[in-house]
Amino acid sequence: MTMSETATTYEYSLTRELDAPVENVWAAWTQPDHYAQWSGAVRSSISLDVRPGGAWSATMATPDGSEFPLTGSYGEVVENERLEVIMDLPGGASTAMAVDLTDLGGKTRIVVSQTCATAEARDMSEQGSGMLLDGLSAYVPTIS
């Protein structure tokens, strides 16, 4: 994990090596049936139009039973390599999270990174991304 601060932005980057081919990791991020298995999203709520400018939406369910909707769009999309997920924020703002994949010959290195406006937003986003990567790491080896 790396974190850095500049005068106006706060960044984080999380890296994991996953025991699954890059195609399976890509499918886990881009196919609703797979996404529901590891992300904490309610399957019936997931819509993923994975293309530059395409919209996505999902309702996340927390362990305590609370649900909250998330929406956004996709920026850069390079199959099996890079997915830029843009998340809508309250007040009309948005933030982008980059998902970069590297094929390691049957395994995959994933790097999730994001630049946030505040230290608090960075810390919350980093925690959420860590939870996503935990779920993804457990799920992708089960894809056949």
Foldseek 3Di string as FASTA:
>chain_A
DDWDDDPFKIKDKDKDKAQAFLQLLLCCVAPLVNVVQQQQFDSVFWDHPQDAFAKIKTWHADPVGDIDIWIFGWHDDDRSAKTWTWTADPPGDIWIWMWGWDGPPSMIMIMIMTMGRDPVVNVVVVVSVVSSVVSSRVRSVVDD
